């Protein structure tokens, strides 16, 4: 949950988010049973 907060901040401030950050962000959403939104 906390990790996802900071991945969302990365997405906000980086024009081209690194693919590994995107993958880990999606995994956070999966663990939290959220819609995968990357």
ModelCIF file with pLDDT and N, C-alpha, C, O atoms, coordinates in Angstrom:
data_MODEL
#
_entry.id   MODEL 
#
_entity.id                         1 
_entity.type                       polymer 
_entity.pdbx_number_of_molecules   1 
#
_entity_poly.entity_id                      1 
_entity_poly.type                           'polypeptide(L)' 
_entity_poly.nstd_linkage                   no 
_entity_poly.nstd_monomer                   no 
_entity_poly.pdbx_seq_one_letter_code       
;(UNK)(UNK)(UNK)(UNK)(UNK)(UNK)(UNK)(UNK)(UNK)(UNK)(UNK)(UNK)(UNK)(UNK)(UNK)(UNK)
(UNK)(UNK)(UNK)(UNK)(UNK)(UNK)(UNK)(UNK)(UNK)(UNK)(UNK)(UNK)(UNK)(UNK)(UNK)(UNK)
(UNK)(UNK)(UNK)(UNK)(UNK)(UNK)
;
_entity_poly.pdbx_seq_one_letter_code_can   XXXXXXXXXXXXXXXXXXXXXXXXXXXXXXXXXXXXXX 
_entity_poly.pdbx_strand_id                 A 
#
loop_
_entity_poly_seq.entity_id 
_entity_poly_seq.num 
_entity_poly_seq.mon_id 
_entity_poly_seq.hetero 
1 1  UNK n 
1 2  UNK n 
1 3  UNK n 
1 4  UNK n 
1 5  UNK n 
1 6  UNK n 
1 7  UNK n 
1 8  UNK n 
1 9  UNK n 
1 10 UNK n 
1 11 UNK n 
1 12 UNK n 
1 13 UNK n 
1 14 UNK n 
1 15 UNK n 
1 16 UNK n 
1 17 UNK n 
1 18 UNK n 
1 19 UNK n 
1 20 UNK n 
1 21 UNK n 
1 22 UNK n 
1 23 UNK n 
1 24 UNK n 
1 25 UNK n 
1 26 UNK n 
1 27 UNK n 
1 28 UNK n 
1 29 UNK n 
1 30 UNK n 
1 31 UNK n 
1 32 UNK n 
1 33 UNK n 
1 34 UNK n 
1 35 UNK n 
1 36 UNK n 
1 37 UNK n 
1 38 UNK n 
#
_struct_asym.id          A 
_struct_asym.entity_id   1 
#
loop_
_ma_qa_metric.id 
_ma_qa_metric.mode 
_ma_qa_metric.name 
_ma_qa_metric.software_group_id 
_ma_qa_metric.type 
1 global pLDDT . pLDDT 
2 local  pLDDT . pLDDT 
#
_ma_qa_metric_global.metric_id      1 
_ma_qa_metric_global.metric_value   95.16 
_ma_qa_metric_global.model_id       1 
_ma_qa_metric_global.ordinal_id     1 
#
loop_
_ma_qa_metric_local.label_asym_id 
_ma_qa_metric_local.label_comp_id 
_ma_qa_metric_local.label_seq_id 
_ma_qa_metric_local.metric_id 
_ma_qa_metric_local.metric_value 
_ma_qa_metric_local.model_id 
_ma_qa_metric_local.ordinal_id 
A UNK 1  2 97.00 1 1  
A UNK 2  2 96.00 1 2  
A UNK 3  2 97.00 1 3  
A UNK 4  2 98.00 1 4  
A UNK 5  2 96.00 1 5  
A UNK 6  2 96.00 1 6  
A UNK 7  2 97.00 1 7  
A UNK 8  2 96.00 1 8  
A UNK 9  2 94.00 1 9  
A UNK 10 2 95.00 1 10 
A UNK 11 2 92.00 1 11 
A UNK 12 2 91.00 1 12 
A UNK 13 2 90.00 1 13 
A UNK 14 2 87.00 1 14 
A UNK 15 2 80.00 1 15 
A UNK 16 2 84.00 1 16 
A UNK 17 2 90.00 1 17 
A UNK 18 2 94.00 1 18 
A UNK 19 2 96.00 1 19 
A UNK 20 2 96.00 1 20 
A UNK 21 2 97.00 1 21 
A UNK 22 2 97.00 1 22 
A UNK 23 2 98.00 1 23 
A UNK 24 2 98.00 1 24 
A UNK 25 2 98.00 1 25 
A UNK 26 2 98.00 1 26 
A UNK 27 2 98.00 1 27 
A UNK 28 2 98.00 1 28 
A UNK 29 2 98.00 1 29 
A UNK 30 2 98.00 1 30 
A UNK 31 2 98.00 1 31 
A UNK 32 2 98.00 1 32 
A UNK 33 2 96.00 1 33 
A UNK 34 2 98.00 1 34 
A UNK 35 2 97.00 1 35 
A UNK 36 2 97.00 1 36 
A UNK 37 2 96.00 1 37 
A UNK 38 2 96.00 1 38 
#
loop_
_atom_site.group_PDB 
_atom_site.id 
_atom_site.type_symbol 
_atom_site.label_atom_id 
_atom_site.label_alt_id 
_atom_site.label_comp_id 
_atom_site.label_asym_id 
_atom_site.label_entity_id 
_atom_site.label_seq_id 
_atom_site.pdbx_PDB_ins_code 
_atom_site.Cartn_x 
_atom_site.Cartn_y 
_atom_site.Cartn_z 
_atom_site.occupancy 
_atom_site.B_iso_or_equiv 
_atom_site.pdbx_formal_charge 
_atom_site.auth_seq_id 
_atom_site.auth_comp_id 
_atom_site.auth_asym_id 
_atom_site.auth_atom_id 
_atom_site.pdbx_PDB_model_num 
ATOM 1   N N  . UNK A 1 1  ? 0.826  -1.204 0.000   1.00 97.00 ? 1  UNK A N  1 
ATOM 2   C CA . UNK A 1 1  ? 0.000  0.000  0.000   1.00 97.00 ? 1  UNK A CA 1 
ATOM 3   C C  . UNK A 1 1  ? 0.865  1.262  0.000   1.00 97.00 ? 1  UNK A C  1 
ATOM 4   O O  . UNK A 1 1  ? 0.618  2.193  -0.767  1.00 97.00 ? 1  UNK A O  1 
ATOM 5   N N  . UNK A 1 2  ? 1.881  1.286  0.866   1.00 96.00 ? 2  UNK A N  1 
ATOM 6   C CA . UNK A 1 2  ? 2.782  2.437  0.914   1.00 96.00 ? 2  UNK A CA 1 
ATOM 7   C C  . UNK A 1 2  ? 3.640  2.505  -0.342  1.00 96.00 ? 2  UNK A C  1 
ATOM 8   O O  . UNK A 1 2  ? 3.891  3.589  -0.870  1.00 96.00 ? 2  UNK A O  1 
ATOM 9   N N  . UNK A 1 3  ? 4.087  1.355  -0.818  1.00 97.00 ? 3  UNK A N  1 
ATOM 10  C CA . UNK A 1 3  ? 4.901  1.328  -2.039  1.00 97.00 ? 3  UNK A CA 1 
ATOM 11  C C  . UNK A 1 3  ? 4.139  1.927  -3.214  1.00 97.00 ? 3  UNK A C  1 
ATOM 12  O O  . UNK A 1 3  ? 4.706  2.669  -4.017  1.00 97.00 ? 3  UNK A O  1 
ATOM 13  N N  . UNK A 1 4  ? 2.861  1.605  -3.310  1.00 98.00 ? 4  UNK A N  1 
ATOM 14  C CA . UNK A 1 4  ? 2.047  2.101  -4.424  1.00 98.00 ? 4  UNK A CA 1 
ATOM 15  C C  . UNK A 1 4  ? 1.941  3.624  -4.391  1.00 98.00 ? 4  UNK A C  1 
ATOM 16  O O  . UNK A 1 4  ? 1.909  4.264  -5.442  1.00 98.00 ? 4  UNK A O  1 
ATOM 17  N N  . UNK A 1 5  ? 1.885  4.201  -3.208  1.00 96.00 ? 5  UNK A N  1 
ATOM 18  C CA . UNK A 1 5  ? 1.843  5.664  -3.083  1.00 96.00 ? 5  UNK A CA 1 
ATOM 19  C C  . UNK A 1 5  ? 3.058  6.287  -3.749  1.00 96.00 ? 5  UNK A C  1 
ATOM 20  O O  . UNK A 1 5  ? 2.948  7.284  -4.463  1.00 96.00 ? 5  UNK A O  1 
ATOM 21  N N  . UNK A 1 6  ? 4.223  5.686  -3.506  1.00 96.00 ? 6  UNK A N  1 
ATOM 22  C CA . UNK A 1 6  ? 5.452  6.260  -4.065  1.00 96.00 ? 6  UNK A CA 1 
ATOM 23  C C  . UNK A 1 6  ? 5.621  5.917  -5.538  1.00 96.00 ? 6  UNK A C  1 
ATOM 24  O O  . UNK A 1 6  ? 6.202  6.706  -6.283  1.00 96.00 ? 6  UNK A O  1 
ATOM 25  N N  . UNK A 1 7  ? 5.131  4.760  -5.978  1.00 97.00 ? 7  UNK A N  1 
ATOM 26  C CA . UNK A 1 7  ? 5.159  4.475  -7.421  1.00 97.00 ? 7  UNK A CA 1 
ATOM 27  C C  . UNK A 1 7  ? 4.276  5.468  -8.172  1.00 97.00 ? 7  UNK A C  1 
ATOM 28  O O  . UNK A 1 7  ? 4.610  5.885  -9.281  1.00 97.00 ? 7  UNK A O  1 
ATOM 29  N N  . UNK A 1 8  ? 3.162  5.842  -7.574  1.00 96.00 ? 8  UNK A N  1 
ATOM 30  C CA . UNK A 1 8  ? 2.293  6.848  -8.202  1.00 96.00 ? 8  UNK A CA 1 
ATOM 31  C C  . UNK A 1 8  ? 2.994  8.197  -8.293  1.00 96.00 ? 8  UNK A C  1 
ATOM 32  O O  . UNK A 1 8  ? 2.789  8.942  -9.252  1.00 96.00 ? 8  UNK A O  1 
ATOM 33  N N  . UNK A 1 9  ? 3.819  8.513  -7.302  1.00 94.00 ? 9  UNK A N  1 
ATOM 34  C CA . UNK A 1 9  ? 4.588  9.757  -7.361  1.00 94.00 ? 9  UNK A CA 1 
ATOM 35  C C  . UNK A 1 9  ? 5.639  9.689  -8.467  1.00 94.00 ? 9  UNK A C  1 
ATOM 36  O O  . UNK A 1 9  ? 5.889  10.683 -9.148  1.00 94.00 ? 9  UNK A O  1 
ATOM 37  N N  . UNK A 1 10 ? 6.249  8.526  -8.645  1.00 95.00 ? 10 UNK A N  1 
ATOM 38  C CA . UNK A 1 10 ? 7.206  8.350  -9.745  1.00 95.00 ? 10 UNK A CA 1 
ATOM 39  C C  . UNK A 1 10 ? 6.512  8.620  -11.076 1.00 95.00 ? 10 UNK A C  1 
ATOM 40  O O  . UNK A 1 10 ? 7.043  9.328  -11.931 1.00 95.00 ? 10 UNK A O  1 
ATOM 41  N N  . UNK A 1 11 ? 5.332  8.053  -11.239 1.00 92.00 ? 11 UNK A N  1 
ATOM 42  C CA . UNK A 1 11 ? 4.568  8.226  -12.477 1.00 92.00 ? 11 UNK A CA 1 
ATOM 43  C C  . UNK A 1 11 ? 4.241  9.699  -12.709 1.00 92.00 ? 11 UNK A C  1 
ATOM 44  O O  . UNK A 1 11 ? 4.227  10.165 -13.848 1.00 92.00 ? 11 UNK A O  1 
ATOM 45  N N  . UNK A 1 12 ? 3.982  10.421 -11.634 1.00 91.00 ? 12 UNK A N  1 
ATOM 46  C CA . UNK A 1 12 ? 3.631  11.841 -11.738 1.00 91.00 ? 12 UNK A CA 1 
ATOM 47  C C  . UNK A 1 12 ? 4.814  12.685 -12.192 1.00 91.00 ? 12 UNK A C  1 
ATOM 48  O O  . UNK A 1 12 ? 4.639  13.635 -12.955 1.00 91.00 ? 12 UNK A O  1 
ATOM 49  N N  . UNK A 1 13 ? 6.016  12.349 -11.732 1.00 90.00 ? 13 UNK A N  1 
ATOM 50  C CA . UNK A 1 13 ? 7.170  13.215 -11.970 1.00 90.00 ? 13 UNK A CA 1 
ATOM 51  C C  . UNK A 1 13 ? 8.115  12.717 -13.066 1.00 90.00 ? 13 UNK A C  1 
ATOM 52  O O  . UNK A 1 13 ? 9.033  13.440 -13.455 1.00 90.00 ? 13 UNK A O  1 
ATOM 53  N N  . UNK A 1 14 ? 7.912  11.515 -13.562 1.00 87.00 ? 14 UNK A N  1 
ATOM 54  C CA . UNK A 1 14 ? 8.792  11.000 -14.620 1.00 87.00 ? 14 UNK A CA 1 
ATOM 55  C C  . UNK A 1 14 ? 7.992  10.813 -15.898 1.00 87.00 ? 14 UNK A C  1 
ATOM 56  O O  . UNK A 1 14 ? 6.983  10.107 -15.911 1.00 87.00 ? 14 UNK A O  1 
ATOM 57  N N  . UNK A 1 15 ? 8.445  11.450 -16.973 1.00 80.00 ? 15 UNK A N  1 
ATOM 58  C CA . UNK A 1 15 ? 7.732  11.357 -18.252 1.00 80.00 ? 15 UNK A CA 1 
ATOM 59  C C  . UNK A 1 15 ? 7.721  9.930  -18.779 1.00 80.00 ? 15 UNK A C  1 
ATOM 60  O O  . UNK A 1 15 ? 6.694  9.441  -19.250 1.00 80.00 ? 15 UNK A O  1 
ATOM 61  N N  . UNK A 1 16 ? 8.863  9.271  -18.698 1.00 84.00 ? 16 UNK A N  1 
ATOM 62  C CA . UNK A 1 16 ? 8.964  7.881  -19.160 1.00 84.00 ? 16 UNK A CA 1 
ATOM 63  C C  . UNK A 1 16 ? 9.338  6.998  -17.977 1.00 84.00 ? 16 UNK A C  1 
ATOM 64  O O  . UNK A 1 16 ? 10.516 6.817  -17.671 1.00 84.00 ? 16 UNK A O  1 
ATOM 65  N N  . UNK A 1 17 ? 8.335  6.459  -17.325 1.00 90.00 ? 17 UNK A N  1 
ATOM 66  C CA . UNK A 1 17 ? 8.547  5.624  -16.139 1.00 90.00 ? 17 UNK A CA 1 
ATOM 67  C C  . UNK A 1 17 ? 9.272  4.345  -16.537 1.00 90.00 ? 17 UNK A C  1 
ATOM 68  O O  . UNK A 1 17 ? 8.936  3.719  -17.542 1.00 90.00 ? 17 UNK A O  1 
ATOM 69  N N  . UNK A 1 18 ? 10.276 3.961  -15.738 1.00 94.00 ? 18 UNK A N  1 
ATOM 70  C CA . UNK A 1 18 ? 11.062 2.771  -16.065 1.00 94.00 ? 18 UNK A CA 1 
ATOM 71  C C  . UNK A 1 18 ? 10.197 1.524  -15.995 1.00 94.00 ? 18 UNK A C  1 
ATOM 72  O O  . UNK A 1 18 ? 9.316  1.413  -15.143 1.00 94.00 ? 18 UNK A O  1 
ATOM 73  N N  . UNK A 1 19 ? 10.455 0.597  -16.890 1.00 96.00 ? 19 UNK A N  1 
ATOM 74  C CA . UNK A 1 19 ? 9.596  -0.583 -17.012 1.00 96.00 ? 19 UNK A CA 1 
ATOM 75  C C  . UNK A 1 19 ? 9.575  -1.420 -15.732 1.00 96.00 ? 19 UNK A C  1 
ATOM 76  O O  . UNK A 1 19 ? 8.536  -1.984 -15.387 1.00 96.00 ? 19 UNK A O  1 
ATOM 77  N N  . UNK A 1 20 ? 10.703 -1.509 -15.022 1.00 96.00 ? 20 UNK A N  1 
ATOM 78  C CA . UNK A 1 20 ? 10.698 -2.306 -13.786 1.00 96.00 ? 20 UNK A CA 1 
ATOM 79  C C  . UNK A 1 20 ? 9.823  -1.655 -12.719 1.00 96.00 ? 20 UNK A C  1 
ATOM 80  O O  . UNK A 1 20 ? 9.140  -2.346 -11.962 1.00 96.00 ? 20 UNK A O  1 
ATOM 81  N N  . UNK A 1 21 ? 9.845  -0.315 -12.660 1.00 97.00 ? 21 UNK A N  1 
ATOM 82  C CA . UNK A 1 21 ? 8.952  0.379  -11.731 1.00 97.00 ? 21 UNK A CA 1 
ATOM 83  C C  . UNK A 1 21 ? 7.490  0.112  -12.084 1.00 97.00 ? 21 UNK A C  1 
ATOM 84  O O  . UNK A 1 21 ? 6.653  -0.065 -11.200 1.00 97.00 ? 21 UNK A O  1 
ATOM 85  N N  . UNK A 1 22 ? 7.192  0.084  -13.379 1.00 97.00 ? 22 UNK A N  1 
ATOM 86  C CA . UNK A 1 22 ? 5.819  -0.183 -13.824 1.00 97.00 ? 22 UNK A CA 1 
ATOM 87  C C  . UNK A 1 22 ? 5.388  -1.588 -13.400 1.00 97.00 ? 22 UNK A C  1 
ATOM 88  O O  . UNK A 1 22 ? 4.267  -1.783 -12.930 1.00 97.00 ? 22 UNK A O  1 
ATOM 89  N N  . UNK A 1 23 ? 6.272  -2.553 -13.567 1.00 98.00 ? 23 UNK A N  1 
ATOM 90  C CA . UNK A 1 23 ? 5.959  -3.943 -13.219 1.00 98.00 ? 23 UNK A CA 1 
ATOM 91  C C  . UNK A 1 23 ? 5.717  -4.088 -11.715 1.00 98.00 ? 23 UNK A C  1 
ATOM 92  O O  . UNK A 1 23 ? 4.757  -4.732 -11.294 1.00 98.00 ? 23 UNK A O  1 
ATOM 93  N N  . UNK A 1 24 ? 6.592  -3.488 -10.914 1.00 98.00 ? 24 UNK A N  1 
ATOM 94  C CA . UNK A 1 24 ? 6.408  -3.567 -9.462  1.00 98.00 ? 24 UNK A CA 1 
ATOM 95  C C  . UNK A 1 24 ? 5.176  -2.794 -9.009  1.00 98.00 ? 24 UNK A C  1 
ATOM 96  O O  . UNK A 1 24 ? 4.505  -3.187 -8.054  1.00 98.00 ? 24 UNK A O  1 
ATOM 97  N N  . UNK A 1 25 ? 4.885  -1.705 -9.688  1.00 98.00 ? 25 UNK A N  1 
ATOM 98  C CA . UNK A 1 25 ? 3.669  -0.941 -9.402  1.00 98.00 ? 25 UNK A CA 1 
ATOM 99  C C  . UNK A 1 25 ? 2.437  -1.813 -9.650  1.00 98.00 ? 25 UNK A C  1 
ATOM 100 O O  . UNK A 1 25 ? 1.520  -1.847 -8.831  1.00 98.00 ? 25 UNK A O  1 
ATOM 101 N N  . UNK A 1 26 ? 2.422  -2.512 -10.778 1.00 98.00 ? 26 UNK A N  1 
ATOM 102 C CA . UNK A 1 26 ? 1.306  -3.399 -11.103 1.00 98.00 ? 26 UNK A CA 1 
ATOM 103 C C  . UNK A 1 26 ? 1.179  -4.521 -10.087 1.00 98.00 ? 26 UNK A C  1 
ATOM 104 O O  . UNK A 1 26 ? 0.071  -4.922 -9.731  1.00 98.00 ? 26 UNK A O  1 
ATOM 105 N N  . UNK A 1 27 ? 2.315  -5.028 -9.619  1.00 98.00 ? 27 UNK A N  1 
ATOM 106 C CA . UNK A 1 27 ? 2.287  -6.092 -8.628  1.00 98.00 ? 27 UNK A CA 1 
ATOM 107 C C  . UNK A 1 27 ? 1.702  -5.618 -7.310  1.00 98.00 ? 27 UNK A C  1 
ATOM 108 O O  . UNK A 1 27 ? 1.009  -6.372 -6.627  1.00 98.00 ? 27 UNK A O  1 
ATOM 109 N N  . UNK A 1 28 ? 1.981  -4.356 -6.946  1.00 98.00 ? 28 UNK A N  1 
ATOM 110 C CA . UNK A 1 28 ? 1.342  -3.769 -5.758  1.00 98.00 ? 28 UNK A CA 1 
ATOM 111 C C  . UNK A 1 28 ? -0.171 -3.758 -5.932  1.00 98.00 ? 28 UNK A C  1 
ATOM 112 O O  . UNK A 1 28 ? -0.908 -4.151 -5.028  1.00 98.00 ? 28 UNK A O  1 
ATOM 113 N N  . UNK A 1 29 ? -0.628 -3.310 -7.085  1.00 98.00 ? 29 UNK A N  1 
ATOM 114 C CA . UNK A 1 29 ? -2.064 -3.263 -7.364  1.00 98.00 ? 29 UNK A CA 1 
ATOM 115 C C  . UNK A 1 29 ? -2.673 -4.657 -7.302  1.00 98.00 ? 29 UNK A C  1 
ATOM 116 O O  . UNK A 1 29 ? -3.788 -4.832 -6.812  1.00 98.00 ? 29 UNK A O  1 
ATOM 117 N N  . UNK A 1 30 ? -1.941 -5.642 -7.798  1.00 98.00 ? 30 UNK A N  1 
ATOM 118 C CA . UNK A 1 30 ? -2.417 -7.028 -7.758  1.00 98.00 ? 30 UNK A CA 1 
ATOM 119 C C  . UNK A 1 30 ? -2.556 -7.519 -6.318  1.00 98.00 ? 30 UNK A C  1 
ATOM 120 O O  . UNK A 1 30 ? -3.569 -8.121 -5.963  1.00 98.00 ? 30 UNK A O  1 
ATOM 121 N N  . UNK A 1 31 ? -1.550 -7.266 -5.495  1.00 98.00 ? 31 UNK A N  1 
ATOM 122 C CA . UNK A 1 31 ? -1.601 -7.684 -4.095  1.00 98.00 ? 31 UNK A CA 1 
ATOM 123 C C  . UNK A 1 31 ? -2.760 -7.031 -3.356  1.00 98.00 ? 31 UNK A C  1 
ATOM 124 O O  . UNK A 1 31 ? -3.355 -7.636 -2.464  1.00 98.00 ? 31 UNK A O  1 
ATOM 125 N N  . UNK A 1 32 ? -3.076 -5.808 -3.726  1.00 98.00 ? 32 UNK A N  1 
ATOM 126 C CA . UNK A 1 32 ? -4.138 -5.059 -3.055  1.00 98.00 ? 32 UNK A CA 1 
ATOM 127 C C  . UNK A 1 32 ? -5.506 -5.281 -3.703  1.00 98.00 ? 32 UNK A C  1 
ATOM 128 O O  . UNK A 1 32 ? -6.497 -4.658 -3.321  1.00 98.00 ? 32 UNK A O  1 
ATOM 129 N N  . UNK A 1 33 ? -5.539 -6.191 -4.701  1.00 96.00 ? 33 UNK A N  1 
ATOM 130 C CA . UNK A 1 33 ? -6.777 -6.502 -5.431  1.00 96.00 ? 33 UNK A CA 1 
ATOM 131 C C  . UNK A 1 33 ? -7.413 -5.265 -6.052  1.00 96.00 ? 33 UNK A C  1 
ATOM 132 O O  . UNK A 1 33 ? -8.632 -5.094 -6.043  1.00 96.00 ? 33 UNK A O  1 
ATOM 133 N N  . UNK A 1 34 ? -6.548 -4.403 -6.593  1.00 98.00 ? 34 UNK A N  1 
ATOM 134 C CA . UNK A 1 34 ? -6.998 -3.215 -7.289  1.00 98.00 ? 34 UNK A CA 1 
ATOM 135 C C  . UNK A 1 34 ? -6.984 -3.455 -8.798  1.00 98.00 ? 34 UNK A C  1 
ATOM 136 O O  . UNK A 1 34 ? -6.372 -4.409 -9.278  1.00 98.00 ? 34 UNK A O  1 
ATOM 137 N N  . UNK A 1 35 ? -7.653 -2.593 -9.526  1.00 97.00 ? 35 UNK A N  1 
ATOM 138 C CA . UNK A 1 35 ? -7.583 -2.627 -10.979 1.00 97.00 ? 35 UNK A CA 1 
ATOM 139 C C  . UNK A 1 35 ? -6.147 -2.338 -11.398 1.00 97.00 ? 35 UNK A C  1 
ATOM 140 O O  . UNK A 1 35 ? -5.518 -1.413 -10.886 1.00 97.00 ? 35 UNK A O  1 
ATOM 141 N N  . UNK A 1 36 ? -5.636 -3.132 -12.329 1.00 97.00 ? 36 UNK A N  1 
ATOM 142 C CA . UNK A 1 36 ? -4.286 -2.882 -12.825 1.00 97.00 ? 36 UNK A CA 1 
ATOM 143 C C  . UNK A 1 36 ? -4.333 -1.663 -13.731 1.00 97.00 ? 36 UNK A C  1 
ATOM 144 O O  . UNK A 1 36 ? -4.947 -1.679 -14.798 1.00 97.00 ? 36 UNK A O  1 
ATOM 145 N N  . UNK A 1 37 ? -3.674 -0.613 -13.282 1.00 96.00 ? 37 UNK A N  1 
ATOM 146 C CA . UNK A 1 37 ? -3.696 0.670  -13.986 1.00 96.00 ? 37 UNK A CA 1 
ATOM 147 C C  . UNK A 1 37 ? -2.270 1.187  -14.079 1.00 96.00 ? 37 UNK A C  1 
ATOM 148 O O  . UNK A 1 37 ? -1.762 1.792  -13.135 1.00 96.00 ? 37 UNK A O  1 
ATOM 149 N N  . UNK A 1 38 ? -1.626 0.950  -15.209 1.00 96.00 ? 38 UNK A N  1 
ATOM 150 C CA . UNK A 1 38 ? -0.213 1.302  -15.375 1.00 96.00 ? 38 UNK A CA 1 
ATOM 151 C C  . UNK A 1 38 ? -0.012 2.101  -16.661 1.00 96.00 ? 38 UNK A C  1 
ATOM 152 O O  . UNK A 1 38 ? 1.112  2.490  -16.976 1.00 96.00 ? 38 UNK A O  1 
#
